[in-house]
Amino acid sequence: QMYEGIDRVTPLIREAVEQTRGEVLTY
């Protein structure tokens, strides 16, 4: 996956990550 550090991380992205913290998809 493309990973170029945190320069582009926005408050909305932080919120999305925090609201789904730890959630993963399984089958």
PDB file of all heavy atoms in Angstrom:
ATOM      1  N   GLN A   1       0.860  -1.180   0.000  1.00  0.00           N
ATOM      2  CA  GLN A   1       0.000   0.000   0.000  1.00  0.00           C
ATOM      3  C   GLN A   1       0.897   1.232   0.000  1.00  0.00           C
ATOM      4  O   GLN A   1       1.980   1.224   0.585  1.00  0.00           O
ATOM      5  CB  GLN A   1      -0.925   0.024   1.223  1.00  0.00           C
ATOM      6  CG  GLN A   1      -1.913  -1.139   1.236  1.00  0.00           C
ATOM      7  CD  GLN A   1      -2.870  -1.079   2.414  1.00  0.00           C
ATOM      8  OE1 GLN A   1      -4.040  -0.780   2.265  1.00  0.00           O
ATOM      9  NE2 GLN A   1      -2.378  -1.390   3.583  1.00  0.00           N
ATOM     10  N   MET A   2       0.422   2.298  -0.633  1.00  0.00           N
ATOM     11  CA  MET A   2       1.206   3.519  -0.702  1.00  0.00           C
ATOM     12  C   MET A   2       1.275   4.166   0.678  1.00  0.00           C
ATOM     13  O   MET A   2       0.248   4.429   1.306  1.00  0.00           O
ATOM     14  CB  MET A   2       0.601   4.491  -1.711  1.00  0.00           C
ATOM     15  CG  MET A   2       0.672   4.023  -3.148  1.00  0.00           C
ATOM     16  SD  MET A   2       2.360   3.797  -3.751  1.00  0.00           S
ATOM     17  CE  MET A   2       2.972   5.484  -3.697  1.00  0.00           C
ATOM     18  N   TYR A   3       2.502   4.409   1.144  1.00  0.00           N
ATOM     19  CA  TYR A   3       2.721   4.971   2.475  1.00  0.00           C
ATOM     20  C   TYR A   3       3.801   6.033   2.360  1.00  0.00           C
ATOM     21  O   TYR A   3       4.951   5.732   2.057  1.00  0.00           O
ATOM     22  CB  TYR A   3       3.158   3.860   3.432  1.00  0.00           C
ATOM     23  CG  TYR A   3       3.578   4.328   4.816  1.00  0.00           C
ATOM     24  CD1 TYR A   3       2.669   4.925   5.681  1.00  0.00           C
ATOM     25  CD2 TYR A   3       4.887   4.140   5.259  1.00  0.00           C
ATOM     26  CE1 TYR A   3       3.052   5.336   6.946  1.00  0.00           C
ATOM     27  CE2 TYR A   3       5.274   4.547   6.528  1.00  0.00           C
ATOM     28  CZ  TYR A   3       4.357   5.145   7.371  1.00  0.00           C
ATOM     29  OH  TYR A   3       4.741   5.549   8.624  1.00  0.00           O
ATOM     30  N   GLU A   4       3.413   7.279   2.556  1.00  0.00           N
ATOM     31  CA  GLU A   4       4.349   8.396   2.432  1.00  0.00           C
ATOM     32  C   GLU A   4       4.265   9.302   3.646  1.00  0.00           C
ATOM     33  O   GLU A   4       4.319  10.522   3.548  1.00  0.00           O
ATOM     34  CB  GLU A   4       4.067   9.186   1.149  1.00  0.00           C
ATOM     35  CG  GLU A   4       4.363   8.390  -0.123  1.00  0.00           C
ATOM     36  CD  GLU A   4       4.050   9.144  -1.397  1.00  0.00           C
ATOM     37  OE1 GLU A   4       3.331  10.174  -1.310  1.00  0.00           O
ATOM     38  OE2 GLU A   4       4.502   8.712  -2.469  1.00  0.00           O
ATOM     39  N   GLY A   5       4.130   8.685   4.818  1.00  0.00           N
ATOM     40  CA  GLY A   5       4.121   9.453   6.042  1.00  0.00           C
ATOM     41  C   GLY A   5       2.801  10.156   6.299  1.00  0.00           C
ATOM     42  O   GLY A   5       1.771   9.861   5.672  1.00  0.00           O
ATOM     43  N   ILE A   6       2.820  11.117   7.216  1.00  0.00           N
ATOM     44  CA  ILE A   6       1.594  11.694   7.762  1.00  0.00           C
ATOM     45  C   ILE A   6       1.328  13.122   7.285  1.00  0.00           C
ATOM     46  O   ILE A   6       0.398  13.766   7.774  1.00  0.00           O
ATOM     47  CB  ILE A   6       1.634  11.678   9.298  1.00  0.00           C
ATOM     48  CG1 ILE A   6       2.861  12.468   9.817  1.00  0.00           C
ATOM     49  CG2 ILE A   6       1.647  10.244   9.818  1.00  0.00           C
ATOM     50  CD1 ILE A   6       2.895  12.622  11.319  1.00  0.00           C
ATOM     51  N   ASP A   7       2.101  13.617   6.324  1.00  0.00           N
ATOM     52  CA  ASP A   7       1.929  15.009   5.900  1.00  0.00           C
ATOM     53  C   ASP A   7       0.529  15.301   5.368  1.00  0.00           C
ATOM     54  O   ASP A   7       0.034  16.419   5.503  1.00  0.00           O
ATOM     55  CB  ASP A   7       2.970  15.369   4.833  1.00  0.00           C
ATOM     56  CG  ASP A   7       4.390  15.288   5.370  1.00  0.00           C
ATOM     57  OD1 ASP A   7       4.758  16.155   6.168  1.00  0.00           O
ATOM     58  OD2 ASP A   7       5.113  14.342   5.002  1.00  0.00           O
ATOM     59  N   ARG A   8      -0.109  14.303   4.730  1.00  0.00           N
ATOM     60  CA  ARG A   8      -1.422  14.530   4.123  1.00  0.00           C
ATOM     61  C   ARG A   8      -2.583  14.175   5.048  1.00  0.00           C
ATOM     62  O   ARG A   8      -3.746  14.293   4.655  1.00  0.00           O
ATOM     63  CB  ARG A   8      -1.555  13.715   2.844  1.00  0.00           C
ATOM     64  CG  ARG A   8      -0.465  13.974   1.813  1.00  0.00           C
ATOM     65  CD  ARG A   8      -0.745  13.189   0.546  1.00  0.00           C
ATOM     66  NE  ARG A   8       0.383  13.203  -0.366  1.00  0.00           N
ATOM     67  CZ  ARG A   8       0.367  12.712  -1.602  1.00  0.00           C
ATOM     68  NH1 ARG A   8      -0.743  12.176  -2.068  1.00  0.00           N
ATOM     69  NH2 ARG A   8       1.433  12.753  -2.366  1.00  0.00           N
ATOM     70  N   VAL A   9      -2.292  13.713   6.240  1.00  0.00           N
ATOM     71  CA  VAL A   9      -3.366  13.292   7.147  1.00  0.00           C
ATOM     72  C   VAL A   9      -4.146  14.516   7.618  1.00  0.00           C
ATOM     73  O   VAL A   9      -3.575  15.485   8.122  1.00  0.00           O
ATOM     74  CB  VAL A   9      -2.790  12.514   8.344  1.00  0.00           C
ATOM     75  CG1 VAL A   9      -3.896  12.208   9.360  1.00  0.00           C
ATOM     76  CG2 VAL A   9      -2.133  11.225   7.868  1.00  0.00           C
ATOM     77  N   THR A  10      -5.470  14.453   7.459  1.00  0.00           N
ATOM     78  CA  THR A  10      -6.362  15.557   7.822  1.00  0.00           C
ATOM     79  C   THR A  10      -7.143  15.215   9.086  1.00  0.00           C
ATOM     80  O   THR A  10      -7.207  14.054   9.503  1.00  0.00           O
ATOM     81  CB  THR A  10      -7.348  15.832   6.684  1.00  0.00           C
ATOM     82  OG1 THR A  10      -8.191  14.660   6.530  1.00  0.00           O
ATOM     83  CG2 THR A  10      -6.623  16.109   5.373  1.00  0.00           C
ATOM     84  N   PRO A  11      -7.775  16.199   9.701  1.00  0.00           N
ATOM     85  CA  PRO A  11      -8.644  15.899  10.856  1.00  0.00           C
ATOM     86  C   PRO A  11      -9.742  14.903  10.511  1.00  0.00           C
ATOM     87  O   PRO A  11     -10.094  14.053  11.347  1.00  0.00           O
ATOM     88  CB  PRO A  11      -9.218  17.271  11.227  1.00  0.00           C
ATOM     89  CG  PRO A  11      -8.165  18.248  10.785  1.00  0.00           C
ATOM     90  CD  PRO A  11      -7.609  17.669   9.523  1.00  0.00           C
ATOM     91  N   LEU A  12     -10.304  14.973   9.303  1.00  0.00           N
ATOM     92  CA  LEU A  12     -11.344  14.019   8.918  1.00  0.00           C
ATOM     93  C   LEU A  12     -10.784  12.598   8.865  1.00  0.00           C
ATOM     94  O   LEU A  12     -11.444  11.643   9.293  1.00  0.00           O
ATOM     95  CB  LEU A  12     -11.947  14.401   7.568  1.00  0.00           C
ATOM     96  CG  LEU A  12     -13.082  13.493   7.077  1.00  0.00           C
ATOM     97  CD1 LEU A  12     -14.200  14.323   6.460  1.00  0.00           C
ATOM     98  CD2 LEU A  12     -12.571  12.472   6.056  1.00  0.00           C
ATOM     99  N   ILE A  13      -9.578  12.442   8.349  1.00  0.00           N
ATOM    100  CA  ILE A  13      -8.964  11.112   8.300  1.00  0.00           C
ATOM    101  C   ILE A  13      -8.713  10.596   9.711  1.00  0.00           C
ATOM    102  O   ILE A  13      -8.985   9.426  10.020  1.00  0.00           O
ATOM    103  CB  ILE A  13      -7.676  11.162   7.469  1.00  0.00           C
ATOM    104  CG1 ILE A  13      -8.027  11.265   5.984  1.00  0.00           C
ATOM    105  CG2 ILE A  13      -6.802   9.924   7.723  1.00  0.00           C
ATOM    106  CD1 ILE A  13      -6.844  11.483   5.074  1.00  0.00           C
ATOM    107  N   ARG A  14      -8.211  11.453  10.585  1.00  0.00           N
ATOM    108  CA  ARG A  14      -8.009  11.046  11.981  1.00  0.00           C
ATOM    109  C   ARG A  14      -9.319  10.597  12.607  1.00  0.00           C
ATOM    110  O   ARG A  14      -9.374   9.609  13.343  1.00  0.00           O
ATOM    111  CB  ARG A  14      -7.415  12.201  12.777  1.00  0.00           C
ATOM    112  CG  ARG A  14      -5.966  12.519  12.451  1.00  0.00           C
ATOM    113  CD  ARG A  14      -5.030  11.432  12.913  1.00  0.00           C
ATOM    114  NE  ARG A  14      -3.628  11.794  12.708  1.00  0.00           N
ATOM    115  CZ  ARG A  14      -2.635  10.931  12.758  1.00  0.00           C
ATOM    116  NH1 ARG A  14      -2.879   9.655  13.028  1.00  0.00           N
ATOM    117  NH2 ARG A  14      -1.404  11.322  12.557  1.00  0.00           N
ATOM    118  N   GLU A  15     -10.397  11.329  12.321  1.00  0.00           N
ATOM    119  CA  GLU A  15     -11.705  10.977  12.873  1.00  0.00           C
ATOM    120  C   GLU A  15     -12.176   9.629  12.332  1.00  0.00           C
ATOM    121  O   GLU A  15     -12.697   8.795  13.089  1.00  0.00           O
ATOM    122  CB  GLU A  15     -12.725  12.065  12.545  1.00  0.00           C
ATOM    123  CG  GLU A  15     -14.105  11.805  13.119  1.00  0.00           C
ATOM    124  CD  GLU A  15     -15.099  12.896  12.791  1.00  0.00           C
ATOM    125  OE1 GLU A  15     -14.717  13.873  12.101  1.00  0.00           O
ATOM    126  OE2 GLU A  15     -16.266  12.771  13.206  1.00  0.00           O
ATOM    127  N   ALA A  16     -11.996   9.396  11.027  1.00  0.00           N
ATOM    128  CA  ALA A  16     -12.417   8.128  10.427  1.00  0.00           C
ATOM    129  C   ALA A  16     -11.657   6.954  11.023  1.00  0.00           C
ATOM    130  O   ALA A  16     -12.233   5.893  11.303  1.00  0.00           O
ATOM    131  CB  ALA A  16     -12.211   8.184   8.918  1.00  0.00           C
ATOM    132  N   VAL A  17     -10.367   7.125  11.233  1.00  0.00           N
ATOM    133  CA  VAL A  17      -9.552   6.057  11.821  1.00  0.00           C
ATOM    134  C   VAL A  17      -9.955   5.821  13.267  1.00  0.00           C
ATOM    135  O   VAL A  17     -10.090   4.677  13.714  1.00  0.00           O
ATOM    136  CB  VAL A  17      -8.053   6.407  11.711  1.00  0.00           C
ATOM    137  CG1 VAL A  17      -7.201   5.404  12.492  1.00  0.00           C
ATOM    138  CG2 VAL A  17      -7.618   6.435  10.253  1.00  0.00           C
ATOM    139  N   GLU A  18     -10.184   6.903  14.008  1.00  0.00           N
ATOM    140  CA  GLU A  18     -10.544   6.764  15.416  1.00  0.00           C
ATOM    141  C   GLU A  18     -11.919   6.122  15.573  1.00  0.00           C
ATOM    142  O   GLU A  18     -12.108   5.271  16.450  1.00  0.00           O
ATOM    143  CB  GLU A  18     -10.512   8.134  16.099  1.00  0.00           C
ATOM    144  CG  GLU A  18     -10.740   8.083  17.597  1.00  0.00           C
ATOM    145  CD  GLU A  18      -9.702   7.234  18.319  1.00  0.00           C
ATOM    146  OE1 GLU A  18      -8.525   7.211  17.893  1.00  0.00           O
ATOM    147  OE2 GLU A  18     -10.082   6.577  19.325  1.00  0.00           O
ATOM    148  N   GLN A  19     -12.873   6.502  14.732  1.00  0.00           N
ATOM    149  CA  GLN A  19     -14.221   5.936  14.861  1.00  0.00           C
ATOM    150  C   GLN A  19     -14.278   4.467  14.459  1.00  0.00           C
ATOM    151  O   GLN A  19     -15.225   3.759  14.833  1.00  0.00           O
ATOM    152  CB  GLN A  19     -15.208   6.749  14.020  1.00  0.00           C
ATOM    153  CG  GLN A  19     -15.513   8.116  14.585  1.00  0.00           C
ATOM    154  CD  GLN A  19     -16.700   8.780  13.910  1.00  0.00           C
ATOM    155  OE1 GLN A  19     -17.516   8.119  13.265  1.00  0.00           O
ATOM    156  NE2 GLN A  19     -16.822  10.093  14.076  1.00  0.00           N
ATOM    157  N   THR A  20     -13.314   3.993  13.697  1.00  0.00           N
ATOM    158  CA  THR A  20     -13.277   2.569  13.306  1.00  0.00           C
ATOM    159  C   THR A  20     -12.106   1.851  13.954  1.00  0.00           C
ATOM    160  O   THR A  20     -11.741   0.753  13.522  1.00  0.00           O
ATOM    161  CB  THR A  20     -13.156   2.435  11.783  1.00  0.00           C
ATOM    162  OG1 THR A  20     -11.899   3.004  11.348  1.00  0.00           O
ATOM    163  CG2 THR A  20     -14.294   3.117  11.062  1.00  0.00           C
ATOM    164  N   ARG A  21     -11.506   2.447  14.955  1.00  0.00           N
ATOM    165  CA  ARG A  21     -10.285   1.901  15.550  1.00  0.00           C
ATOM    166  C   ARG A  21     -10.422   0.407  15.830  1.00  0.00           C
ATOM    167  O   ARG A  21     -11.351  -0.032  16.502  1.00  0.00           O
ATOM    168  CB  ARG A  21      -9.954   2.637  16.847  1.00  0.00           C
ATOM    169  CG  ARG A  21      -8.748   2.090  17.609  1.00  0.00           C
ATOM    170  CD  ARG A  21      -8.398   2.951  18.800  1.00  0.00           C
ATOM    171  NE  ARG A  21      -7.830   4.216  18.377  1.00  0.00           N
ATOM    172  CZ  ARG A  21      -6.527   4.411  18.165  1.00  0.00           C
ATOM    173  NH1 ARG A  21      -5.675   3.405  18.328  1.00  0.00           N
ATOM    174  NH2 ARG A  21      -6.082   5.588  17.782  1.00  0.00           N
ATOM    175  N   GLY A  22      -9.499  -0.372  15.302  1.00  0.00           N
ATOM    176  CA  GLY A  22      -9.465  -1.798  15.571  1.00  0.00           C
ATOM    177  C   GLY A  22     -10.415  -2.648  14.750  1.00  0.00           C
ATOM    178  O   GLY A  22     -10.379  -3.875  14.853  1.00  0.00           O
ATOM    179  N   GLU A  23     -11.264  -2.049  13.917  1.00  0.00           N
ATOM    180  CA  GLU A  23     -12.244  -2.848  13.182  1.00  0.00           C
ATOM    181  C   GLU A  23     -11.622  -3.451  11.926  1.00  0.00           C
ATOM    182  O   GLU A  23     -10.919  -2.768  11.162  1.00  0.00           O
ATOM    183  CB  GLU A  23     -13.451  -1.996  12.801  1.00  0.00           C
ATOM    184  CG  GLU A  23     -14.268  -1.561  14.006  1.00  0.00           C
ATOM    185  CD  GLU A  23     -15.481  -0.746  13.614  1.00  0.00           C
ATOM    186  OE1 GLU A  23     -15.917  -0.814  12.442  1.00  0.00           O
ATOM    187  OE2 GLU A  23     -15.993  -0.022  14.485  1.00  0.00           O
ATOM    188  N   VAL A  24     -11.890  -4.739  11.721  1.00  0.00           N
ATOM    189  CA  VAL A  24     -11.389  -5.464  10.552  1.00  0.00           C
ATOM    190  C   VAL A  24     -12.506  -6.312   9.969  1.00  0.00           C
ATOM    191  O   VAL A  24     -13.499  -6.618  10.641  1.00  0.00           O
ATOM    192  CB  VAL A  24     -10.185  -6.367  10.905  1.00  0.00           C
ATOM    193  CG1 VAL A  24      -8.974  -5.536  11.302  1.00  0.00           C
ATOM    194  CG2 VAL A  24     -10.547  -7.362  12.013  1.00  0.00           C
ATOM    195  N   LEU A  25     -12.354  -6.711   8.721  1.00  0.00           N
ATOM    196  CA  LEU A  25     -13.330  -7.555   8.025  1.00  0.00           C
ATOM    197  C   LEU A  25     -12.851  -9.002   7.998  1.00  0.00           C
ATOM    198  O   LEU A  25     -11.675  -9.271   7.728  1.00  0.00           O
ATOM    199  CB  LEU A  25     -13.527  -7.060   6.595  1.00  0.00           C
ATOM    200  CG  LEU A  25     -14.291  -5.749   6.431  1.00  0.00           C
ATOM    201  CD1 LEU A  25     -14.055  -5.174   5.040  1.00  0.00           C
ATOM    202  CD2 LEU A  25     -15.774  -5.956   6.686  1.00  0.00           C
ATOM    203  N   THR A  26     -13.768  -9.916   8.267  1.00  0.00           N
ATOM    204  CA  THR A  26     -13.423 -11.336   8.242  1.00  0.00           C
ATOM    205  C   THR A  26     -14.472 -12.109   7.445  1.00  0.00           C
ATOM    206  O   THR A  26     -15.602 -11.657   7.238  1.00  0.00           O
ATOM    207  CB  THR A  26     -13.364 -11.922   9.660  1.00  0.00           C
ATOM    208  OG1 THR A  26     -14.695 -11.971  10.202  1.00  0.00           O
ATOM    209  CG2 THR A  26     -12.475 -11.091  10.574  1.00  0.00           C
ATOM    210  N   TYR A  27     -14.064 -13.297   7.023  1.00  0.00           N
ATOM    211  CA  TYR A  27     -14.998 -14.252   6.434  1.00  0.00           C
ATOM    212  C   TYR A  27     -14.660 -15.616   7.016  1.00  0.00           C
ATOM    213  O   TYR A  27     -13.503 -16.058   6.953  1.00  0.00           O
ATOM    214  CB  TYR A  27     -14.884 -14.284   4.914  1.00  0.00           C
ATOM    215  CG  TYR A  27     -15.888 -15.209   4.257  1.00  0.00           C
ATOM    216  CD1 TYR A  27     -17.206 -14.804   4.060  1.00  0.00           C
ATOM    217  CD2 TYR A  27     -15.531 -16.496   3.867  1.00  0.00           C
ATOM    218  CE1 TYR A  27     -18.133 -15.641   3.491  1.00  0.00           C
ATOM    219  CE2 TYR A  27     -16.461 -17.352   3.284  1.00  0.00           C
ATOM    220  CZ  TYR A  27     -17.764 -16.921   3.103  1.00  0.00           C
ATOM    221  OH  TYR A  27     -18.684 -17.776   2.532  1.00  0.00           O
TER     222      TYR A  27
END
